[in-house]
Amino acid sequence: MPRLMSVTLTKDAVIERRKTETRRGGWTMLRPGDRLTLCEKVMGRKAGEPLVRIVDVEVVATRREPLNAITDDAVAREGFTAADLREFLPLDWPARGALARAFVAFFTKHMGGAVDQEVTVITWRYLDTAADSTGGAP
């Protein structure tokens, strides 16, 4: 049975299949081949509030790295655009690395921790794509 993972802050990017990577403070037990069910909200639901499952994914890679090692390209894989992070964009936007710094500010505001905290980078593929349903490569 797949583990449940909340994607509350990036739900739209998951629905649009723009998000293929996430950074988490824990989740060190995941391995390639593990399956996840991405959900609107997992913990903190009120009594009677349904569990909204969005999509199943398969983990293709995991690694540990400092949060502030993220690149602008990795921010895009997280499903974020400059518009999503506008309140966090530094004054030197659009300088190289500015989007990455904005993501780190966003992450620490919503998840806490230091800018150089170790996070688990989880990369996945969606299981509901045409290639997956025909047995093709991801």
N, C-alpha and C. Protein backbone atom coordinates (compact mmCIF):
# COMPACT_ATOMS: atom_id res chain seq x y z
N MET A 1 0.85 -1.18 0.00
CA MET A 1 0.00 0.00 0.00
C MET A 1 0.89 1.24 0.00
N PRO A 2 0.61 2.19 -0.89
CA PRO A 2 1.44 3.41 -0.96
C PRO A 2 1.34 4.25 0.31
N ARG A 3 2.43 4.92 0.64
CA ARG A 3 2.41 5.91 1.73
C ARG A 3 1.66 7.13 1.25
N LEU A 4 1.04 7.84 2.18
CA LEU A 4 0.35 9.08 1.87
C LEU A 4 1.30 10.25 2.07
N MET A 5 1.30 11.20 1.13
CA MET A 5 2.12 12.41 1.24
C MET A 5 1.25 13.62 0.93
N SER A 6 1.27 14.58 1.83
CA SER A 6 0.51 15.82 1.63
C SER A 6 1.24 16.75 0.67
N VAL A 7 0.47 17.34 -0.23
CA VAL A 7 1.01 18.34 -1.17
C VAL A 7 0.15 19.60 -1.12
N THR A 8 -0.28 19.96 0.06
CA THR A 8 -1.18 21.10 0.26
C THR A 8 -0.69 22.36 -0.44
N LEU A 9 0.57 22.70 -0.26
CA LEU A 9 1.10 23.96 -0.79
C LEU A 9 1.43 23.90 -2.27
N THR A 10 1.43 22.71 -2.85
CA THR A 10 1.79 22.57 -4.27
C THR A 10 0.75 21.74 -5.03
N LYS A 11 -0.47 21.73 -4.53
CA LYS A 11 -1.53 20.91 -5.13
C LYS A 11 -1.72 21.20 -6.62
N ASP A 12 -1.77 22.47 -6.99
CA ASP A 12 -2.00 22.82 -8.40
C ASP A 12 -0.87 22.31 -9.29
N ALA A 13 0.36 22.40 -8.82
CA ALA A 13 1.50 21.91 -9.60
C ALA A 13 1.43 20.40 -9.79
N VAL A 14 0.93 19.68 -8.78
CA VAL A 14 0.75 18.23 -8.90
C VAL A 14 -0.35 17.93 -9.91
N ILE A 15 -1.47 18.61 -9.79
CA ILE A 15 -2.59 18.39 -10.71
C ILE A 15 -2.16 18.65 -12.15
N GLU A 16 -1.35 19.69 -12.34
CA GLU A 16 -0.86 20.05 -13.69
C GLU A 16 0.36 19.23 -14.10
N ARG A 17 0.84 18.34 -13.22
CA ARG A 17 1.99 17.47 -13.47
C ARG A 17 3.29 18.25 -13.70
N ARG A 18 3.37 19.47 -13.12
CA ARG A 18 4.60 20.26 -13.18
C ARG A 18 5.58 19.87 -12.08
N LYS A 19 5.08 19.27 -11.02
CA LYS A 19 5.91 18.92 -9.86
C LYS A 19 6.38 17.47 -10.00
N THR A 20 7.69 17.28 -10.01
CA THR A 20 8.26 15.93 -10.08
C THR A 20 9.29 15.70 -8.97
N GLU A 21 9.38 16.65 -8.05
CA GLU A 21 10.40 16.58 -7.00
C GLU A 21 9.86 17.31 -5.78
N THR A 22 10.26 16.85 -4.60
CA THR A 22 9.90 17.54 -3.36
C THR A 22 11.04 17.43 -2.37
N ARG A 23 11.09 18.36 -1.45
CA ARG A 23 12.07 18.35 -0.38
C ARG A 23 11.33 18.21 0.94
N ARG A 24 11.78 17.28 1.77
CA ARG A 24 11.13 16.98 3.04
C ARG A 24 12.18 16.88 4.13
N GLY A 25 11.77 17.26 5.34
CA GLY A 25 12.68 17.21 6.48
C GLY A 25 13.01 15.80 6.93
N GLY A 26 12.16 14.84 6.66
CA GLY A 26 12.38 13.45 7.04
C GLY A 26 12.39 12.57 5.81
N TRP A 27 11.54 11.56 5.82
CA TRP A 27 11.32 10.70 4.67
C TRP A 27 12.60 9.99 4.19
N THR A 28 13.48 9.68 5.11
CA THR A 28 14.74 9.04 4.74
C THR A 28 14.57 7.55 4.42
N MET A 29 13.39 7.00 4.71
CA MET A 29 13.15 5.57 4.49
C MET A 29 12.77 5.23 3.05
N LEU A 30 12.45 6.24 2.24
CA LEU A 30 12.01 5.98 0.87
C LEU A 30 13.14 5.47 -0.01
N ARG A 31 12.78 4.60 -0.94
CA ARG A 31 13.73 4.04 -1.89
C ARG A 31 13.11 4.06 -3.28
N PRO A 32 13.93 4.09 -4.33
CA PRO A 32 13.37 3.98 -5.68
C PRO A 32 12.47 2.76 -5.80
N GLY A 33 11.34 2.95 -6.46
CA GLY A 33 10.34 1.89 -6.60
C GLY A 33 9.20 2.01 -5.60
N ASP A 34 9.42 2.72 -4.49
CA ASP A 34 8.33 2.93 -3.53
C ASP A 34 7.24 3.77 -4.19
N ARG A 35 6.02 3.53 -3.77
CA ARG A 35 4.89 4.29 -4.31
C ARG A 35 4.33 5.21 -3.24
N LEU A 36 3.89 6.37 -3.70
CA LEU A 36 3.28 7.38 -2.83
C LEU A 36 1.92 7.75 -3.40
N THR A 37 0.97 8.05 -2.52
CA THR A 37 -0.29 8.65 -2.93
C THR A 37 -0.23 10.11 -2.48
N LEU A 38 -0.21 11.02 -3.44
CA LEU A 38 -0.17 12.44 -3.13
C LEU A 38 -1.58 12.90 -2.82
N CYS A 39 -1.72 13.58 -1.68
CA CYS A 39 -3.04 13.97 -1.17
C CYS A 39 -3.09 15.47 -0.91
N GLU A 40 -4.31 15.99 -0.95
CA GLU A 40 -4.50 17.42 -0.68
C GLU A 40 -4.04 17.76 0.74
N LYS A 41 -4.44 16.95 1.70
CA LYS A 41 -4.04 17.16 3.10
C LYS A 41 -4.11 15.81 3.79
N VAL A 42 -3.07 15.46 4.54
CA VAL A 42 -3.07 14.18 5.23
C VAL A 42 -3.29 14.40 6.72
N MET A 43 -2.40 15.13 7.37
CA MET A 43 -2.53 15.38 8.81
C MET A 43 -3.27 16.68 9.04
N GLY A 44 -3.89 16.80 10.19
CA GLY A 44 -4.56 18.05 10.55
C GLY A 44 -5.95 18.21 9.97
N ARG A 45 -6.52 17.12 9.44
CA ARG A 45 -7.90 17.22 8.94
C ARG A 45 -8.86 17.24 10.11
N LYS A 46 -9.91 18.00 9.97
CA LYS A 46 -10.94 18.07 11.01
C LYS A 46 -11.77 16.78 10.98
N ALA A 47 -12.46 16.50 12.07
CA ALA A 47 -13.32 15.32 12.15
C ALA A 47 -14.30 15.32 10.98
N GLY A 48 -14.35 14.21 10.27
CA GLY A 48 -15.26 14.09 9.13
C GLY A 48 -14.73 14.65 7.83
N GLU A 49 -13.60 15.36 7.88
CA GLU A 49 -13.02 15.91 6.65
C GLU A 49 -12.40 14.76 5.85
N PRO A 50 -12.80 14.63 4.58
CA PRO A 50 -12.32 13.48 3.81
C PRO A 50 -10.85 13.60 3.42
N LEU A 51 -10.24 12.45 3.19
CA LEU A 51 -8.89 12.39 2.65
C LEU A 51 -9.02 12.48 1.14
N VAL A 52 -8.47 13.56 0.56
CA VAL A 52 -8.57 13.77 -0.89
C VAL A 52 -7.28 13.28 -1.54
N ARG A 53 -7.38 12.16 -2.24
CA ARG A 53 -6.24 11.59 -2.96
C ARG A 53 -6.19 12.21 -4.34
N ILE A 54 -4.99 12.67 -4.75
CA ILE A 54 -4.85 13.33 -6.05
C ILE A 54 -4.31 12.37 -7.10
N VAL A 55 -3.19 11.72 -6.80
CA VAL A 55 -2.55 10.85 -7.80
C VAL A 55 -1.53 9.95 -7.12
N ASP A 56 -1.26 8.82 -7.74
CA ASP A 56 -0.19 7.93 -7.28
C ASP A 56 1.06 8.18 -8.11
N VAL A 57 2.21 8.13 -7.43
CA VAL A 57 3.50 8.31 -8.09
C VAL A 57 4.45 7.21 -7.63
N GLU A 58 5.52 7.02 -8.40
CA GLU A 58 6.56 6.08 -8.03
C GLU A 58 7.86 6.84 -7.82
N VAL A 59 8.50 6.59 -6.70
CA VAL A 59 9.78 7.23 -6.39
C VAL A 59 10.84 6.69 -7.35
N VAL A 60 11.57 7.60 -7.99
CA VAL A 60 12.65 7.17 -8.89
C VAL A 60 14.03 7.46 -8.32
N ALA A 61 14.11 8.38 -7.36
CA ALA A 61 15.41 8.70 -6.74
C ALA A 61 15.19 9.44 -5.43
N THR A 62 16.12 9.25 -4.51
CA THR A 62 16.15 10.04 -3.28
C THR A 62 17.60 10.37 -2.97
N ARG A 63 17.78 11.48 -2.29
CA ARG A 63 19.13 11.86 -1.83
C ARG A 63 18.95 12.88 -0.71
N ARG A 64 20.00 13.05 0.08
CA ARG A 64 20.01 14.06 1.14
C ARG A 64 20.94 15.17 0.70
N GLU A 65 20.52 16.41 0.97
CA GLU A 65 21.35 17.57 0.66
C GLU A 65 20.91 18.74 1.51
N PRO A 66 21.75 19.76 1.67
CA PRO A 66 21.33 20.97 2.38
C PRO A 66 20.23 21.67 1.58
N LEU A 67 19.26 22.21 2.28
CA LEU A 67 18.16 22.92 1.63
C LEU A 67 18.68 23.99 0.68
N ASN A 68 19.69 24.75 1.12
CA ASN A 68 20.17 25.86 0.29
C ASN A 68 21.06 25.41 -0.87
N ALA A 69 21.15 24.10 -1.13
CA ALA A 69 21.86 23.60 -2.31
C ALA A 69 20.93 23.56 -3.53
N ILE A 70 19.66 23.90 -3.34
CA ILE A 70 18.70 23.86 -4.45
C ILE A 70 19.11 24.85 -5.54
N THR A 71 18.82 24.48 -6.78
CA THR A 71 19.11 25.34 -7.93
C THR A 71 17.81 25.90 -8.50
N ASP A 72 17.92 26.90 -9.36
CA ASP A 72 16.73 27.43 -10.02
C ASP A 72 16.01 26.34 -10.80
N ASP A 73 16.75 25.45 -11.47
CA ASP A 73 16.13 24.36 -12.22
C ASP A 73 15.37 23.41 -11.29
N ALA A 74 15.92 23.14 -10.12
CA ALA A 74 15.26 22.26 -9.16
C ALA A 74 13.98 22.91 -8.61
N VAL A 75 13.98 24.23 -8.49
CA VAL A 75 12.75 24.93 -8.06
C VAL A 75 11.64 24.66 -9.07
N ALA A 76 11.97 24.66 -10.35
CA ALA A 76 10.97 24.34 -11.39
C ALA A 76 10.47 22.91 -11.23
N ARG A 77 11.37 21.96 -10.92
CA ARG A 77 10.94 20.57 -10.70
C ARG A 77 10.06 20.45 -9.46
N GLU A 78 10.22 21.38 -8.51
CA GLU A 78 9.34 21.44 -7.34
C GLU A 78 7.95 21.96 -7.72
N GLY A 79 7.83 22.46 -8.95
CA GLY A 79 6.53 22.94 -9.44
C GLY A 79 6.30 24.42 -9.24
N PHE A 80 7.33 25.15 -8.80
CA PHE A 80 7.17 26.57 -8.53
C PHE A 80 7.61 27.44 -9.70
N THR A 81 6.92 28.56 -9.85
CA THR A 81 7.30 29.60 -10.81
C THR A 81 7.66 30.85 -10.01
N ALA A 82 8.21 31.82 -10.68
CA ALA A 82 8.52 33.10 -10.02
C ALA A 82 7.24 33.72 -9.46
N ALA A 83 6.14 33.59 -10.18
CA ALA A 83 4.87 34.15 -9.70
C ALA A 83 4.44 33.50 -8.39
N ASP A 84 4.66 32.19 -8.25
CA ASP A 84 4.30 31.49 -7.01
C ASP A 84 5.11 31.99 -5.82
N LEU A 85 6.34 32.42 -6.08
CA LEU A 85 7.26 32.81 -5.01
C LEU A 85 7.47 34.32 -4.93
N ARG A 86 6.60 35.10 -5.56
CA ARG A 86 6.83 36.54 -5.70
C ARG A 86 7.08 37.26 -4.38
N GLU A 87 6.40 36.87 -3.31
CA GLU A 87 6.62 37.57 -2.04
C GLU A 87 7.99 37.28 -1.43
N PHE A 88 8.67 36.25 -1.93
CA PHE A 88 9.98 35.86 -1.40
C PHE A 88 11.13 36.23 -2.32
N LEU A 89 10.82 36.74 -3.51
CA LEU A 89 11.89 37.04 -4.47
C LEU A 89 12.82 38.13 -3.95
N PRO A 90 14.12 37.92 -4.03
CA PRO A 90 15.08 38.93 -3.57
C PRO A 90 15.12 40.12 -4.53
N LEU A 91 15.70 41.19 -4.07
CA LEU A 91 15.76 42.42 -4.87
C LEU A 91 16.54 42.24 -6.16
N ASP A 92 17.45 41.26 -6.20
CA ASP A 92 18.24 41.07 -7.42
C ASP A 92 17.56 40.16 -8.45
N TRP A 93 16.28 39.87 -8.24
CA TRP A 93 15.54 39.07 -9.23
C TRP A 93 15.60 39.79 -10.55
N PRO A 94 15.90 39.19 -11.67
CA PRO A 94 16.00 37.76 -11.94
C PRO A 94 17.43 37.23 -12.00
N ALA A 95 18.30 37.69 -11.16
CA ALA A 95 19.68 37.19 -11.16
C ALA A 95 19.71 35.68 -10.95
N ARG A 96 20.74 35.04 -11.47
CA ARG A 96 20.89 33.60 -11.31
C ARG A 96 20.90 33.24 -9.82
N GLY A 97 20.12 32.25 -9.45
CA GLY A 97 20.04 31.81 -8.07
C GLY A 97 18.98 32.51 -7.26
N ALA A 98 18.37 33.56 -7.80
CA ALA A 98 17.36 34.31 -7.05
C ALA A 98 16.12 33.46 -6.77
N LEU A 99 15.70 32.66 -7.74
CA LEU A 99 14.53 31.81 -7.55
C LEU A 99 14.82 30.75 -6.49
N ALA A 100 16.03 30.22 -6.48
CA ALA A 100 16.42 29.24 -5.46
C ALA A 100 16.39 29.86 -4.07
N ARG A 101 16.90 31.08 -3.94
CA ARG A 101 16.87 31.76 -2.63
C ARG A 101 15.44 32.04 -2.20
N ALA A 102 14.57 32.36 -3.14
CA ALA A 102 13.15 32.59 -2.82
C ALA A 102 12.52 31.29 -2.33
N PHE A 103 12.84 30.17 -2.96
CA PHE A 103 12.30 28.88 -2.52
C PHE A 103 12.75 28.57 -1.10
N VAL A 104 14.02 28.79 -0.80
CA VAL A 104 14.53 28.52 0.55
C VAL A 104 13.78 29.37 1.58
N ALA A 105 13.53 30.63 1.26
CA ALA A 105 12.76 31.50 2.17
C ALA A 105 11.34 30.97 2.35
N PHE A 106 10.70 30.55 1.26
CA PHE A 106 9.36 29.97 1.31
C PHE A 106 9.36 28.72 2.19
N PHE A 107 10.31 27.83 1.95
CA PHE A 107 10.38 26.56 2.68
C PHE A 107 10.55 26.80 4.17
N THR A 108 11.49 27.66 4.55
CA THR A 108 11.74 27.88 5.97
C THR A 108 10.57 28.59 6.64
N LYS A 109 9.85 29.43 5.91
CA LYS A 109 8.67 30.08 6.49
C LYS A 109 7.59 29.05 6.79
N HIS A 110 7.33 28.15 5.85
CA HIS A 110 6.22 27.21 5.99
C HIS A 110 6.59 25.94 6.75
N MET A 111 7.85 25.51 6.69
CA MET A 111 8.25 24.25 7.31
C MET A 111 9.19 24.43 8.49
N GLY A 112 9.76 25.63 8.64
CA GLY A 112 10.70 25.88 9.72
C GLY A 112 12.09 25.36 9.40
N GLY A 113 12.98 25.51 10.35
CA GLY A 113 14.34 25.03 10.18
C GLY A 113 15.27 26.08 9.61
N ALA A 114 16.53 25.71 9.53
CA ALA A 114 17.57 26.61 9.04
C ALA A 114 17.71 26.49 7.52
N VAL A 115 18.28 27.50 6.91
CA VAL A 115 18.44 27.49 5.46
C VAL A 115 19.39 26.39 4.99
N ASP A 116 20.27 25.93 5.88
CA ASP A 116 21.21 24.88 5.49
C ASP A 116 20.85 23.51 6.08
N GLN A 117 19.62 23.36 6.55
CA GLN A 117 19.19 22.07 7.10
C GLN A 117 19.26 20.98 6.03
N GLU A 118 19.54 19.75 6.46
CA GLU A 118 19.54 18.61 5.55
C GLU A 118 18.10 18.22 5.25
N VAL A 119 17.80 18.06 3.97
CA VAL A 119 16.47 17.63 3.54
C VAL A 119 16.62 16.41 2.64
N THR A 120 15.55 15.66 2.53
CA THR A 120 15.51 14.55 1.59
C THR A 120 14.88 15.04 0.30
N VAL A 121 15.58 14.89 -0.80
CA VAL A 121 15.05 15.25 -2.11
C VAL A 121 14.45 13.98 -2.70
N ILE A 122 13.15 14.02 -2.98
CA ILE A 122 12.43 12.87 -3.51
C ILE A 122 11.98 13.20 -4.93
N THR A 123 12.41 12.39 -5.87
CA THR A 123 12.02 12.57 -7.28
C THR A 123 11.07 11.43 -7.64
N TRP A 124 10.00 11.75 -8.38
CA TRP A 124 9.02 10.73 -8.74
C TRP A 124 8.58 10.86 -10.18
N ARG A 125 7.87 9.81 -10.61
CA ARG A 125 7.19 9.83 -11.90
C ARG A 125 5.71 9.53 -11.64
N TYR A 126 4.87 10.13 -12.45
CA TYR A 126 3.43 9.92 -12.32
C TYR A 126 3.06 8.58 -12.93
N LEU A 127 2.14 7.88 -12.28
CA LEU A 127 1.74 6.55 -12.75
C LEU A 127 0.54 6.58 -13.67
N ASP A 128 0.01 7.75 -13.95
CA ASP A 128 -1.20 7.83 -14.78
C ASP A 128 -0.93 8.44 -16.15
N THR A 129 0.33 8.44 -16.59
CA THR A 129 0.64 9.00 -17.91
C THR A 129 0.46 7.94 -18.98
N ALA A 130 0.37 8.35 -20.23
CA ALA A 130 0.17 7.42 -21.34
C ALA A 130 1.29 6.39 -21.41
N ALA A 131 2.54 6.82 -21.21
CA ALA A 131 3.67 5.89 -21.27
C ALA A 131 3.55 4.82 -20.19
N ASP A 132 3.09 5.22 -18.99
CA ASP A 132 2.96 4.27 -17.90
C ASP A 132 1.85 3.26 -18.17
N SER A 133 0.75 3.69 -18.78
CA SER A 133 -0.37 2.79 -19.00
C SER A 133 -0.10 1.80 -20.13
N THR A 134 0.86 2.11 -21.00
CA THR A 134 1.18 1.20 -22.10
C THR A 134 2.45 0.40 -21.83
N GLY A 135 3.04 0.60 -20.68
CA GLY A 135 4.25 -0.13 -20.34
C GLY A 135 5.51 0.49 -20.87
N GLY A 136 5.43 1.73 -21.39
CA GLY A 136 6.59 2.41 -21.94
C GLY A 136 7.48 2.98 -20.86
N ALA A 137 8.56 3.59 -21.27
CA ALA A 137 9.51 4.21 -20.33
C ALA A 137 8.90 5.46 -19.74
N PRO A 138 9.31 5.82 -18.52
CA PRO A 138 8.77 7.03 -17.89
C PRO A 138 9.21 8.28 -18.60
